[in-house]
Amino acid sequence: MFYAKDVSPQADSYTMDEPTSKYCIMVLRHTAGDEVLLTDGRGGRYTAVITDDNRKKCVLKITLYTLIPPVVSPVRIAISFTKNTSRIEWFLEKATEIGVQTVFPLVSQRTEKEKFRADRFENILVSAMLQSQQYYLPELAAPVSFDKLIQQPGAEQLFIAHCLPEEKAHLWQAMQAGKDSLMLIGPEGDFTPEEIKAALGQGFRPVSLGNTRLRTETAGVVACTMMNAVNVI
């Protein structure tokens, strides 16, 4: 499957850009007459046939368009990006494969401030979407402050995972299937007590992800896995 960001449901043909054309023709060895799949990352599934196997401008004839229904209960993760970029890139890849719908880079008091590499992060999301044969590209929101996000969470179920010693339900028990949900994952060093109190005051429910203390990116993957699993059980 190939990503065609600018293809439209009304199109009857499509020309791949040069990098995609080279990959399709020179790496995968496709030739004229071969059938391939495209997605626009917005739920569109396009069946197409190669009519010109030019390695710089591969031309396709679109034979069928299908709109794949969106997920009924979106999973959203707001996570503090780590200073080690490779670790957050790993999270983005795995969360996409698992089925996250939205990722909010969360700027809390203890978040390490690093340059937000939007283009590179989007490439990781695209690659993971294609690898896992999905038709919706997760939304990678602009970095948002903790205070702003908890004021306008935009989800039915609100959770915060933190390490302070207080009574917390396990996420398995706290989450209800069939509702869109948002999970807050803190930075290394956790959220501050003041941030936790503020989130609870806005309706966020404290939850546990297990008996061990997890790294930020691991907590994000565990949360995403559990939240998706609850929705399909």
C-alpha atoms as a PDB file:
ATOM      1  CA  MET A   1       0.000   0.000   0.000  1.00  0.00           C
ATOM      2  CA  PHE A   2       1.175   3.528  -0.804  1.00  0.00           C
ATOM      3  CA  TYR A   3       0.365   6.899   0.741  1.00  0.00           C
ATOM      4  CA  ALA A   4      -1.220   9.407  -1.625  1.00  0.00           C
ATOM      5  CA  LYS A   5      -1.923  12.455   0.493  1.00  0.00           C
ATOM      6  CA  ASP A   6      -3.282  14.577  -2.350  1.00  0.00           C
ATOM      7  CA  VAL A   7      -5.469  12.034  -4.146  1.00  0.00           C
ATOM      8  CA  SER A   8      -9.214  12.721  -4.163  1.00  0.00           C
ATOM      9  CA  PRO A   9     -12.208  10.354  -4.251  1.00  0.00           C
ATOM     10  CA  GLN A  10     -13.235  11.840  -7.610  1.00  0.00           C
ATOM     11  CA  ALA A  11      -9.880  11.139  -9.300  1.00  0.00           C
ATOM     12  CA  ASP A  12      -9.637   8.520 -12.039  1.00  0.00           C
ATOM     13  CA  SER A  13      -5.833   8.618 -12.210  1.00  0.00           C
ATOM     14  CA  TYR A  14      -2.919   9.452  -9.974  1.00  0.00           C
ATOM     15  CA  THR A  15       0.788  10.150 -10.479  1.00  0.00           C
ATOM     16  CA  MET A  16       3.135   9.131  -7.693  1.00  0.00           C
ATOM     17  CA  ASP A  17       5.880  11.500  -6.619  1.00  0.00           C
ATOM     18  CA  GLU A  18       9.468  10.563  -7.418  1.00  0.00           C
ATOM     19  CA  PRO A  19      10.446   8.876  -4.111  1.00  0.00           C
ATOM     20  CA  THR A  20       7.269   6.762  -4.094  1.00  0.00           C
ATOM     21  CA  SER A  21       7.671   5.948  -7.795  1.00  0.00           C
ATOM     22  CA  LYS A  22      11.224   4.741  -7.256  1.00  0.00           C
ATOM     23  CA  TYR A  23      10.178   2.606  -4.317  1.00  0.00           C
ATOM     24  CA  CYS A  24       7.244   1.123  -6.230  1.00  0.00           C
ATOM     25  CA  ILE A  25       9.119   0.382  -9.473  1.00  0.00           C
ATOM     26  CA  MET A  26      12.743  -0.180  -8.445  1.00  0.00           C
ATOM     27  CA  VAL A  27      12.422  -1.671  -4.960  1.00  0.00           C
ATOM     28  CA  LEU A  28       9.128  -3.558  -5.136  1.00  0.00           C
ATOM     29  CA  ARG A  29       9.613  -4.312  -8.862  1.00  0.00           C
ATOM     30  CA  HIS A  30       6.095  -3.415  -9.900  1.00  0.00           C
ATOM     31  CA  THR A  31       5.468  -3.047 -13.629  1.00  0.00           C
ATOM     32  CA  ALA A  32       2.696  -1.798 -15.895  1.00  0.00           C
ATOM     33  CA  GLY A  33      -0.483  -3.798 -15.370  1.00  0.00           C
ATOM     34  CA  ASP A  34       0.167  -4.511 -11.681  1.00  0.00           C
ATOM     35  CA  GLU A  35      -2.593  -3.689  -9.209  1.00  0.00           C
ATOM     36  CA  VAL A  36      -1.674  -1.617  -6.152  1.00  0.00           C
ATOM     37  CA  LEU A  37      -3.474  -0.001  -3.222  1.00  0.00           C
ATOM     38  CA  LEU A  38      -3.355   3.643  -2.188  1.00  0.00           C
ATOM     39  CA  THR A  39      -4.653   5.461   0.857  1.00  0.00           C
ATOM     40  CA  ASP A  40      -5.122   9.165   1.439  1.00  0.00           C
ATOM     41  CA  GLY A  41      -4.796   8.741   5.224  1.00  0.00           C
ATOM     42  CA  ARG A  42      -8.380   9.956   5.627  1.00  0.00           C
ATOM     43  CA  GLY A  43     -10.080   6.583   5.279  1.00  0.00           C
ATOM     44  CA  GLY A  44      -9.859   6.352   1.498  1.00  0.00           C
ATOM     45  CA  ARG A  45      -8.867   3.009  -0.006  1.00  0.00           C
ATOM     46  CA  TYR A  46      -8.006   3.248  -3.706  1.00  0.00           C
ATOM     47  CA  THR A  47      -7.497   0.221  -5.921  1.00  0.00           C
ATOM     48  CA  ALA A  48      -5.368   1.204  -8.897  1.00  0.00           C
ATOM     49  CA  VAL A  49      -3.519  -0.292 -11.875  1.00  0.00           C
ATOM     50  CA  ILE A  50      -0.104   0.916 -13.048  1.00  0.00           C
ATOM     51  CA  THR A  51      -0.392   2.317 -16.579  1.00  0.00           C
ATOM     52  CA  ASP A  52       3.087   3.865 -16.842  1.00  0.00           C
ATOM     53  CA  ASP A  53       5.866   2.310 -14.762  1.00  0.00           C
ATOM     54  CA  ASN A  54       8.141   5.318 -15.002  1.00  0.00           C
ATOM     55  CA  ARG A  55      10.487   5.252 -12.014  1.00  0.00           C
ATOM     56  CA  LYS A  56      10.209   9.029 -11.555  1.00  0.00           C
ATOM     57  CA  LYS A  57       6.510   9.545 -12.333  1.00  0.00           C
ATOM     58  CA  CYS A  58       4.601   6.308 -11.977  1.00  0.00           C
ATOM     59  CA  VAL A  59       1.069   6.760 -13.354  1.00  0.00           C
ATOM     60  CA  LEU A  60      -1.909   4.820 -12.031  1.00  0.00           C
ATOM     61  CA  LYS A  61      -5.478   4.325 -13.178  1.00  0.00           C
ATOM     62  CA  ILE A  62      -7.848   4.284 -10.215  1.00  0.00           C
ATOM     63  CA  THR A  63     -10.438   1.535 -10.588  1.00  0.00           C
ATOM     64  CA  LEU A  64     -12.194   1.563  -7.228  1.00  0.00           C
ATOM     65  CA  TYR A  65     -12.595   3.942  -4.288  1.00  0.00           C
ATOM     66  CA  THR A  66     -13.834   2.740  -0.908  1.00  0.00           C
ATOM     67  CA  LEU A  67     -14.275   4.827   2.225  1.00  0.00           C
ATOM     68  CA  ILE A  68     -13.289   2.803   5.285  1.00  0.00           C
ATOM     69  CA  PRO A  69     -15.477   3.729   8.293  1.00  0.00           C
ATOM     70  CA  PRO A  70     -13.636   5.646  11.037  1.00  0.00           C
ATOM     71  CA  VAL A  71     -13.093   4.260  14.509  1.00  0.00           C
ATOM     72  CA  VAL A  72     -16.207   4.692  16.636  1.00  0.00           C
ATOM     73  CA  SER A  73     -14.330   5.229  19.918  1.00  0.00           C
ATOM     74  CA  PRO A  74     -11.181   7.293  19.276  1.00  0.00           C
ATOM     75  CA  VAL A  75      -8.151   6.844  21.514  1.00  0.00           C
ATOM     76  CA  ARG A  76      -6.169   9.993  22.194  1.00  0.00           C
ATOM     77  CA  ILE A  77      -2.846  10.169  24.021  1.00  0.00           C
ATOM     78  CA  ALA A  78      -1.380  13.396  25.397  1.00  0.00           C
ATOM     79  CA  ILE A  79       2.250  12.637  26.181  1.00  0.00           C
ATOM     80  CA  SER A  80       5.245  14.681  27.242  1.00  0.00           C
ATOM     81  CA  PHE A  81       7.910  14.226  24.597  1.00  0.00           C
ATOM     82  CA  THR A  82      11.271  13.080  25.953  1.00  0.00           C
ATOM     83  CA  LYS A  83      14.640  14.716  25.409  1.00  0.00           C
ATOM     84  CA  ASN A  84      15.809  11.515  23.707  1.00  0.00           C
ATOM     85  CA  THR A  85      14.043  11.909  20.368  1.00  0.00           C
ATOM     86  CA  SER A  86      14.519   8.287  19.342  1.00  0.00           C
ATOM     87  CA  ARG A  87      12.386   7.137  22.270  1.00  0.00           C
ATOM     88  CA  ILE A  88       9.420   9.329  21.335  1.00  0.00           C
ATOM     89  CA  GLU A  89       9.797   8.294  17.690  1.00  0.00           C
ATOM     90  CA  TRP A  90       9.523   4.684  18.867  1.00  0.00           C
ATOM     91  CA  PHE A  91       6.326   5.603  20.724  1.00  0.00           C
ATOM     92  CA  LEU A  92       4.817   7.268  17.656  1.00  0.00           C
ATOM     93  CA  GLU A  93       5.564   4.232  15.519  1.00  0.00           C
ATOM     94  CA  LYS A  94       4.125   1.698  17.957  1.00  0.00           C
ATOM     95  CA  ALA A  95       1.092   3.791  18.913  1.00  0.00           C
ATOM     96  CA  THR A  96       0.211   4.168  15.234  1.00  0.00           C
ATOM     97  CA  GLU A  97       0.506   0.430  14.643  1.00  0.00           C
ATOM     98  CA  ILE A  98      -1.718  -0.240  17.669  1.00  0.00           C
ATOM     99  CA  GLY A  99      -4.342   2.229  16.497  1.00  0.00           C
ATOM    100  CA  VAL A 100      -4.091   5.625  18.213  1.00  0.00           C
ATOM    101  CA  GLN A 101      -6.174   8.362  16.603  1.00  0.00           C
ATOM    102  CA  THR A 102      -4.590  11.518  18.045  1.00  0.00           C
ATOM    103  CA  VAL A 103      -1.297  12.327  19.752  1.00  0.00           C
ATOM    104  CA  PHE A 104      -0.886  15.579  21.668  1.00  0.00           C
ATOM    105  CA  PRO A 105       2.713  16.555  22.475  1.00  0.00           C
ATOM    106  CA  LEU A 106       2.124  17.719  26.027  1.00  0.00           C
ATOM    107  CA  VAL A 107       4.157  20.544  27.531  1.00  0.00           C
ATOM    108  CA  SER A 108       4.060  20.231  31.316  1.00  0.00           C
ATOM    109  CA  GLN A 109       6.239  21.845  33.956  1.00  0.00           C
ATOM    110  CA  ARG A 110       8.862  19.086  33.829  1.00  0.00           C
ATOM    111  CA  THR A 111       8.808  18.491  30.073  1.00  0.00           C
ATOM    112  CA  GLU A 112      12.227  18.686  28.439  1.00  0.00           C
ATOM    113  CA  LYS A 113      11.982  21.428  25.821  1.00  0.00           C
ATOM    114  CA  GLU A 114      13.239  20.167  22.473  1.00  0.00           C
ATOM    115  CA  LYS A 115      12.657  21.220  18.867  1.00  0.00           C
ATOM    116  CA  PHE A 116       9.438  19.739  17.511  1.00  0.00           C
ATOM    117  CA  ARG A 117      10.375  17.902  14.315  1.00  0.00           C
ATOM    118  CA  ALA A 118       6.955  17.803  12.688  1.00  0.00           C
ATOM    119  CA  ASP A 119       8.065  16.588   9.239  1.00  0.00           C
ATOM    120  CA  ARG A 120      10.117  13.714  10.593  1.00  0.00           C
ATOM    121  CA  PHE A 121       7.393  12.708  13.045  1.00  0.00           C
ATOM    122  CA  GLU A 122       4.778  12.690  10.269  1.00  0.00           C
ATOM    123  CA  ASN A 123       6.991  10.467   8.115  1.00  0.00           C
ATOM    124  CA  ILE A 124       7.145   7.992  10.994  1.00  0.00           C
ATOM    125  CA  LEU A 125       3.351   8.044  11.324  1.00  0.00           C
ATOM    126  CA  VAL A 126       2.901   7.485   7.585  1.00  0.00           C
ATOM    127  CA  SER A 127       5.355   4.592   7.518  1.00  0.00           C
ATOM    128  CA  ALA A 128       3.704   2.916  10.510  1.00  0.00           C
ATOM    129  CA  MET A 129       0.228   3.427   9.037  1.00  0.00           C
ATOM    130  CA  LEU A 130       1.232   1.742   5.788  1.00  0.00           C
ATOM    131  CA  GLN A 131       3.114  -1.064   7.519  1.00  0.00           C
ATOM    132  CA  SER A 132       0.088  -1.883   9.662  1.00  0.00           C
ATOM    133  CA  GLN A 133      -2.336  -1.672   6.699  1.00  0.00           C
ATOM    134  CA  GLN A 134      -4.470   1.132   8.097  1.00  0.00           C
ATOM    135  CA  TYR A 135      -6.331   3.838   6.208  1.00  0.00           C
ATOM    136  CA  TYR A 136      -6.370   6.654   8.747  1.00  0.00           C
ATOM    137  CA  LEU A 137      -3.245   8.637   9.542  1.00  0.00           C
ATOM    138  CA  PRO A 138      -3.168   9.591  13.229  1.00  0.00           C
ATOM    139  CA  GLU A 139      -3.412  13.285  13.925  1.00  0.00           C
ATOM    140  CA  LEU A 140      -0.230  14.710  15.420  1.00  0.00           C
ATOM    141  CA  ALA A 141      -1.394  17.919  17.077  1.00  0.00           C
ATOM    142  CA  ALA A 142       0.763  20.955  17.709  1.00  0.00           C
ATOM    143  CA  PRO A 143       2.464  20.997  21.105  1.00  0.00           C
ATOM    144  CA  VAL A 144      -0.020  22.079  23.759  1.00  0.00           C
ATOM    145  CA  SER A 145       0.440  23.230  27.337  1.00  0.00           C
ATOM    146  CA  PHE A 146      -0.866  21.037  30.131  1.00  0.00           C
ATOM    147  CA  ASP A 147      -3.060  23.827  31.505  1.00  0.00           C
ATOM    148  CA  LYS A 148      -4.683  24.520  28.138  1.00  0.00           C
ATOM    149  CA  LEU A 149      -5.386  20.869  27.351  1.00  0.00           C
ATOM    150  CA  ILE A 150      -7.104  20.034  30.625  1.00  0.00           C
ATOM    151  CA  GLN A 151      -9.375  23.057  30.169  1.00  0.00           C
ATOM    152  CA  GLN A 152     -10.566  21.746  26.782  1.00  0.00           C
ATOM    153  CA  PRO A 153      -9.969  17.993  26.761  1.00  0.00           C
ATOM    154  CA  GLY A 154     -12.511  17.127  24.053  1.00  0.00           C
ATOM    155  CA  ALA A 155     -13.201  13.522  25.082  1.00  0.00           C
ATOM    156  CA  GLU A 156     -15.856  11.605  27.010  1.00  0.00           C
ATOM    157  CA  GLN A 157     -13.430   9.681  29.242  1.00  0.00           C
ATOM    158  CA  LEU A 158     -10.496  11.468  30.828  1.00  0.00           C
ATOM    159  CA  PHE A 159      -7.561   9.709  32.475  1.00  0.00           C
ATOM    160  CA  ILE A 160      -4.234  10.697  33.984  1.00  0.00           C
ATOM    161  CA  ALA A 161      -1.470   8.224  34.769  1.00  0.00           C
ATOM    162  CA  HIS A 162       0.858   9.426  37.504  1.00  0.00           C
ATOM    163  CA  CYS A 163       3.195   7.971  40.114  1.00  0.00           C
ATOM    164  CA  LEU A 164       2.029   9.601  43.336  1.00  0.00           C
ATOM    165  CA  PRO A 165       0.986   7.102  46.034  1.00  0.00           C
ATOM    166  CA  GLU A 166      -2.768   7.445  46.048  1.00  0.00           C
ATOM    167  CA  GLU A 167      -5.606   5.049  45.367  1.00  0.00           C
ATOM    168  CA  LYS A 168      -6.027   4.526  41.628  1.00  0.00           C
ATOM    169  CA  ALA A 169      -8.150   2.149  39.616  1.00  0.00           C
ATOM    170  CA  HIS A 170      -6.412   0.036  37.022  1.00  0.00           C
ATOM    171  CA  LEU A 171      -7.091   1.343  33.525  1.00  0.00           C
ATOM    172  CA  TRP A 172      -8.721  -2.002  32.616  1.00  0.00           C
ATOM    173  CA  GLN A 173     -11.348  -1.362  35.284  1.00  0.00           C
ATOM    174  CA  ALA A 174     -11.709   2.389  34.829  1.00  0.00           C
ATOM    175  CA  MET A 175     -12.282   2.547  31.087  1.00  0.00           C
ATOM    176  CA  GLN A 176     -15.638   1.935  29.448  1.00  0.00           C
ATOM    177  CA  ALA A 177     -15.801   0.564  25.919  1.00  0.00           C
ATOM    178  CA  GLY A 178     -17.490   2.584  23.217  1.00  0.00           C
ATOM    179  CA  LYS A 179     -16.506   6.050  24.412  1.00  0.00           C
ATOM    180  CA  ASP A 180     -13.788   8.275  23.044  1.00  0.00           C
ATOM    181  CA  SER A 181     -11.000   8.702  25.582  1.00  0.00           C
ATOM    182  CA  LEU A 182      -7.991  10.834  26.407  1.00  0.00           C
ATOM    183  CA  MET A 183      -4.995   9.741  28.489  1.00  0.00           C
ATOM    184  CA  LEU A 184      -2.381  12.070  29.963  1.00  0.00           C
ATOM    185  CA  ILE A 185       1.154  10.647  30.185  1.00  0.00           C
ATOM    186  CA  GLY A 186       3.708  12.710  32.074  1.00  0.00           C
ATOM    187  CA  PRO A 187       7.400  13.416  31.527  1.00  0.00           C
ATOM    188  CA  GLU A 188      10.365  11.784  33.183  1.00  0.00           C
ATOM    189  CA  GLY A 189       9.962  12.923  36.760  1.00  0.00           C
ATOM    190  CA  ASP A 190       6.151  12.736  36.455  1.00  0.00           C
ATOM    191  CA  PHE A 191       3.578  15.494  36.640  1.00  0.00           C
ATOM    192  CA  THR A 192       3.869  17.904  39.547  1.00  0.00           C
ATOM    193  CA  PRO A 193       1.399  17.525  42.448  1.00  0.00           C
ATOM    194  CA  GLU A 194      -0.150  20.827  41.395  1.00  0.00           C
ATOM    195  CA  GLU A 195      -0.730  19.568  37.839  1.00  0.00           C
ATOM    196  CA  ILE A 196      -2.293  16.347  39.083  1.00  0.00           C
ATOM    197  CA  LYS A 197      -4.618  18.279  41.380  1.00  0.00           C
ATOM    198  CA  ALA A 198      -5.597  20.590  38.523  1.00  0.00           C
ATOM    199  CA  ALA A 199      -6.357  17.647  36.210  1.00  0.00           C
ATOM    200  CA  LEU A 200      -8.486  15.936  38.838  1.00  0.00           C
ATOM    201  CA  GLY A 201     -10.383  19.180  39.268  1.00  0.00           C
ATOM    202  CA  GLN A 202     -11.216  19.114  35.555  1.00  0.00           C
ATOM    203  CA  GLY A 203     -12.649  15.610  35.693  1.00  0.00           C
ATOM    204  CA  PHE A 204      -9.604  13.496  34.890  1.00  0.00           C
ATOM    205  CA  ARG A 205      -9.536  10.151  36.675  1.00  0.00           C
ATOM    206  CA  PRO A 206      -6.248   8.850  38.115  1.00  0.00           C
ATOM    207  CA  VAL A 207      -5.407   5.379  36.798  1.00  0.00           C
ATOM    208  CA  SER A 208      -2.703   2.757  37.161  1.00  0.00           C
ATOM    209  CA  LEU A 209      -1.007   1.058  34.214  1.00  0.00           C
ATOM    210  CA  GLY A 210       0.401  -1.756  36.341  1.00  0.00           C
ATOM    211  CA  ASN A 211       2.655  -2.517  39.283  1.00  0.00           C
ATOM    212  CA  THR A 212       5.938  -1.355  37.739  1.00  0.00           C
ATOM    213  CA  ARG A 213       7.134   2.168  37.030  1.00  0.00           C
ATOM    214  CA  LEU A 214       7.296   2.764  33.278  1.00  0.00           C
ATOM    215  CA  ARG A 215       9.304   5.111  31.132  1.00  0.00           C
ATOM    216  CA  THR A 216       7.272   7.834  29.450  1.00  0.00           C
ATOM    217  CA  GLU A 217       7.214   6.233  26.010  1.00  0.00           C
ATOM    218  CA  THR A 218       6.525   2.771  27.465  1.00  0.00           C
ATOM    219  CA  ALA A 219       3.607   4.132  29.470  1.00  0.00           C
ATOM    220  CA  GLY A 220       2.222   5.668  26.297  1.00  0.00           C
ATOM    221  CA  VAL A 221       2.358   2.370  24.421  1.00  0.00           C
ATOM    222  CA  VAL A 222       0.863   0.412  27.345  1.00  0.00           C
ATOM    223  CA  ALA A 223      -1.975   2.923  27.691  1.00  0.00           C
ATOM    224  CA  CYS A 224      -2.695   2.869  23.972  1.00  0.00           C
ATOM    225  CA  THR A 225      -2.698  -0.934  23.940  1.00  0.00           C
ATOM    226  CA  MET A 226      -5.088  -1.208  26.891  1.00  0.00           C
ATOM    227  CA  MET A 227      -7.447   1.474  25.621  1.00  0.00           C
ATOM    228  CA  ASN A 228      -7.748  -0.141  22.197  1.00  0.00           C
ATOM    229  CA  ALA A 229      -8.120  -3.594  23.728  1.00  0.00           C
ATOM    230  CA  VAL A 230     -11.023  -2.464  25.941  1.00  0.00           C
ATOM    231  CA  ASN A 231     -12.808  -1.128  22.865  1.00  0.00           C
ATOM    232  CA  VAL A 232     -12.576  -4.413  20.947  1.00  0.00           C
ATOM    233  CA  ILE A 233     -13.281  -6.908  23.727  1.00  0.00           C
END
